[in-house]
Amino acid sequence: MSLISIGQLQALGQSTRLDLFKALVRAEPHGLLVGELADALHLKANTTSMNLNRLLIAGLVSSTREGKSVRYRADLHGIESLISYLSGRLLCRRSDAVCNHSFSP
């Protein structure tokens, strides 16, 4: 298992981060500001920022500064990478035709 996949799965393994991630996926393509996420999930701003940073490090979200605020978006490339890994490496059997296809980690 690649280090990226391990980090992504660990990041999503915590309920607050999973809730933040789901909110950002639903908010695509515009994303949400940290304060909007905190309000929507009834979290403190510092808790929200800390958990978003973990998702950012895992490659599951991206961020852009907008003045004094930060907007987060789901990172579709990171999500695609994780889905590709899971479907290509963990869910197929060696005899399946799909397993003969080369998947990128």
C-alpha atoms as a PDB file:
ATOM      1  CA  MET A   1       0.000   0.000   0.000  1.00  0.00           C
ATOM      2  CA  SER A   2       1.433   3.388  -0.901  1.00  0.00           C
ATOM      3  CA  LEU A   3       2.131   5.976   1.767  1.00  0.00           C
ATOM      4  CA  ILE A   4      -0.329   8.345   0.105  1.00  0.00           C
ATOM      5  CA  SER A   5      -3.127   5.773   0.358  1.00  0.00           C
ATOM      6  CA  ILE A   6      -2.315   5.030   4.002  1.00  0.00           C
ATOM      7  CA  GLY A   7      -2.353   8.734   4.854  1.00  0.00           C
ATOM      8  CA  GLN A   8      -5.615   9.256   2.984  1.00  0.00           C
ATOM      9  CA  LEU A   9      -7.323   6.350   4.722  1.00  0.00           C
ATOM     10  CA  GLN A  10      -6.038   7.492   8.122  1.00  0.00           C
ATOM     11  CA  ALA A  11      -7.281  11.027   7.478  1.00  0.00           C
ATOM     12  CA  LEU A  12     -10.753   9.757   6.558  1.00  0.00           C
ATOM     13  CA  GLY A  13     -10.802   7.352   9.505  1.00  0.00           C
ATOM     14  CA  GLN A  14     -11.693  10.115  11.963  1.00  0.00           C
ATOM     15  CA  SER A  15     -15.361  11.149  12.060  1.00  0.00           C
ATOM     16  CA  THR A  16     -14.859  14.937  12.100  1.00  0.00           C
ATOM     17  CA  ARG A  17     -12.493  14.812   9.139  1.00  0.00           C
ATOM     18  CA  LEU A  18     -14.845  12.488   7.278  1.00  0.00           C
ATOM     19  CA  ASP A  19     -17.721  14.943   7.881  1.00  0.00           C
ATOM     20  CA  LEU A  20     -15.577  17.852   6.641  1.00  0.00           C
ATOM     21  CA  PHE A  21     -14.534  15.875   3.583  1.00  0.00           C
ATOM     22  CA  LYS A  22     -18.144  14.924   2.736  1.00  0.00           C
ATOM     23  CA  ALA A  23     -19.228  18.567   3.096  1.00  0.00           C
ATOM     24  CA  LEU A  24     -16.481  19.664   0.698  1.00  0.00           C
ATOM     25  CA  VAL A  25     -17.354  16.985  -1.862  1.00  0.00           C
ATOM     26  CA  ARG A  26     -20.979  18.148  -1.766  1.00  0.00           C
ATOM     27  CA  ALA A  27     -19.837  21.786  -2.138  1.00  0.00           C
ATOM     28  CA  GLU A  28     -17.896  21.159  -5.345  1.00  0.00           C
ATOM     29  CA  PRO A  29     -16.878  23.010  -7.453  1.00  0.00           C
ATOM     30  CA  HIS A  30     -16.962  26.148  -5.287  1.00  0.00           C
ATOM     31  CA  GLY A  31     -15.811  24.741  -1.965  1.00  0.00           C
ATOM     32  CA  LEU A  32     -16.400  26.390   1.398  1.00  0.00           C
ATOM     33  CA  LEU A  33     -14.659  28.860   3.665  1.00  0.00           C
ATOM     34  CA  VAL A  34     -13.330  27.575   6.992  1.00  0.00           C
ATOM     35  CA  GLY A  35     -15.962  29.566   8.880  1.00  0.00           C
ATOM     36  CA  GLU A  36     -18.750  28.158   6.722  1.00  0.00           C
ATOM     37  CA  LEU A  37     -17.570  24.626   7.423  1.00  0.00           C
ATOM     38  CA  ALA A  38     -17.239  25.303  11.150  1.00  0.00           C
ATOM     39  CA  ASP A  39     -20.752  26.749  11.318  1.00  0.00           C
ATOM     40  CA  ALA A  40     -22.306  23.980   9.238  1.00  0.00           C
ATOM     41  CA  LEU A  41     -20.779  21.225  11.379  1.00  0.00           C
ATOM     42  CA  HIS A  42     -21.002  23.097  14.713  1.00  0.00           C
ATOM     43  CA  LEU A  43     -17.237  23.024  15.246  1.00  0.00           C
ATOM     44  CA  LYS A  44     -14.783  25.514  16.687  1.00  0.00           C
ATOM     45  CA  ALA A  45     -12.730  27.332  14.065  1.00  0.00           C
ATOM     46  CA  ASN A  46      -9.415  25.980  15.371  1.00  0.00           C
ATOM     47  CA  THR A  47     -10.739  22.392  15.396  1.00  0.00           C
ATOM     48  CA  THR A  48     -11.962  22.852  11.845  1.00  0.00           C
ATOM     49  CA  SER A  49      -8.639  24.285  10.661  1.00  0.00           C
ATOM     50  CA  MET A  50      -6.622  21.533  12.346  1.00  0.00           C
ATOM     51  CA  ASN A  51      -8.702  18.787  10.738  1.00  0.00           C
ATOM     52  CA  LEU A  52      -8.702  20.484   7.332  1.00  0.00           C
ATOM     53  CA  ASN A  53      -4.923  20.695   7.519  1.00  0.00           C
ATOM     54  CA  ARG A  54      -4.756  16.928   8.038  1.00  0.00           C
ATOM     55  CA  LEU A  55      -6.940  16.410   4.949  1.00  0.00           C
ATOM     56  CA  LEU A  56      -4.723  18.843   3.036  1.00  0.00           C
ATOM     57  CA  ILE A  57      -1.562  16.938   3.977  1.00  0.00           C
ATOM     58  CA  ALA A  58      -3.253  13.685   2.882  1.00  0.00           C
ATOM     59  CA  GLY A  59      -3.962  15.200  -0.535  1.00  0.00           C
ATOM     60  CA  LEU A  60      -7.746  15.012  -0.204  1.00  0.00           C
ATOM     61  CA  VAL A  61      -8.475  18.747  -0.174  1.00  0.00           C
ATOM     62  CA  SER A  62      -6.912  21.904  -1.573  1.00  0.00           C
ATOM     63  CA  SER A  63      -6.993  25.434  -0.234  1.00  0.00           C
ATOM     64  CA  THR A  64      -6.785  28.977  -1.549  1.00  0.00           C
ATOM     65  CA  ARG A  65      -6.497  32.177   0.421  1.00  0.00           C
ATOM     66  CA  GLU A  66      -9.239  34.754  -0.088  1.00  0.00           C
ATOM     67  CA  GLY A  67      -8.217  37.840   1.809  1.00  0.00           C
ATOM     68  CA  LYS A  68      -8.186  36.853   5.486  1.00  0.00           C
ATOM     69  CA  SER A  69     -10.145  33.652   4.847  1.00  0.00           C
ATOM     70  CA  VAL A  70      -9.188  30.299   3.397  1.00  0.00           C
ATOM     71  CA  ARG A  71     -11.435  28.405   0.983  1.00  0.00           C
ATOM     72  CA  TYR A  72     -11.170  24.625   0.897  1.00  0.00           C
ATOM     73  CA  ARG A  73     -12.222  22.355  -1.936  1.00  0.00           C
ATOM     74  CA  ALA A  74     -12.236  18.600  -2.380  1.00  0.00           C
ATOM     75  CA  ASP A  75      -9.094  17.624  -4.318  1.00  0.00           C
ATOM     76  CA  LEU A  76     -10.520  15.526  -7.123  1.00  0.00           C
ATOM     77  CA  HIS A  77      -7.102  14.203  -8.166  1.00  0.00           C
ATOM     78  CA  GLY A  78      -6.422  12.968  -4.629  1.00  0.00           C
ATOM     79  CA  ILE A  79      -9.839  11.351  -4.446  1.00  0.00           C
ATOM     80  CA  GLU A  80      -9.347   9.722  -7.838  1.00  0.00           C
ATOM     81  CA  SER A  81      -5.989   8.365  -6.726  1.00  0.00           C
ATOM     82  CA  LEU A  82      -7.505   6.774  -3.636  1.00  0.00           C
ATOM     83  CA  ILE A  83     -10.455   5.302  -5.541  1.00  0.00           C
ATOM     84  CA  SER A  84      -8.134   3.948  -8.204  1.00  0.00           C
ATOM     85  CA  TYR A  85      -5.958   2.318  -5.579  1.00  0.00           C
ATOM     86  CA  LEU A  86      -8.901   0.786  -3.734  1.00  0.00           C
ATOM     87  CA  SER A  87     -10.645  -0.503  -6.836  1.00  0.00           C
ATOM     88  CA  GLY A  88      -7.494  -1.680  -8.557  1.00  0.00           C
ATOM     89  CA  ARG A  89      -5.537  -3.187  -5.718  1.00  0.00           C
ATOM     90  CA  LEU A  90      -7.909  -4.187  -2.954  1.00  0.00           C
ATOM     91  CA  LEU A  91     -11.230  -5.061  -4.545  1.00  0.00           C
ATOM     92  CA  CYS A  92     -10.251  -7.244  -7.482  1.00  0.00           C
ATOM     93  CA  ARG A  93      -9.332 -10.882  -7.558  1.00  0.00           C
ATOM     94  CA  ARG A  94      -6.252 -11.945  -9.481  1.00  0.00           C
ATOM     95  CA  SER A  95      -8.377 -13.849 -12.016  1.00  0.00           C
ATOM     96  CA  ASP A  96     -10.615 -10.870 -12.856  1.00  0.00           C
ATOM     97  CA  ALA A  97     -10.002  -9.154 -16.179  1.00  0.00           C
ATOM     98  CA  VAL A  98      -9.922  -5.794 -14.390  1.00  0.00           C
ATOM     99  CA  CYS A  99      -6.880  -6.940 -12.436  1.00  0.00           C
ATOM    100  CA  ASN A 100      -4.950  -7.289 -15.661  1.00  0.00           C
ATOM    101  CA  HIS A 101      -5.377  -3.568 -16.235  1.00  0.00           C
ATOM    102  CA  SER A 102      -2.595  -1.355 -14.945  1.00  0.00           C
ATOM    103  CA  PHE A 103      -3.780   1.015 -12.201  1.00  0.00           C
ATOM    104  CA  SER A 104      -1.730   3.896 -10.916  1.00  0.00           C
ATOM    105  CA  PRO A 105      -1.349   4.077  -7.107  1.00  0.00           C
END
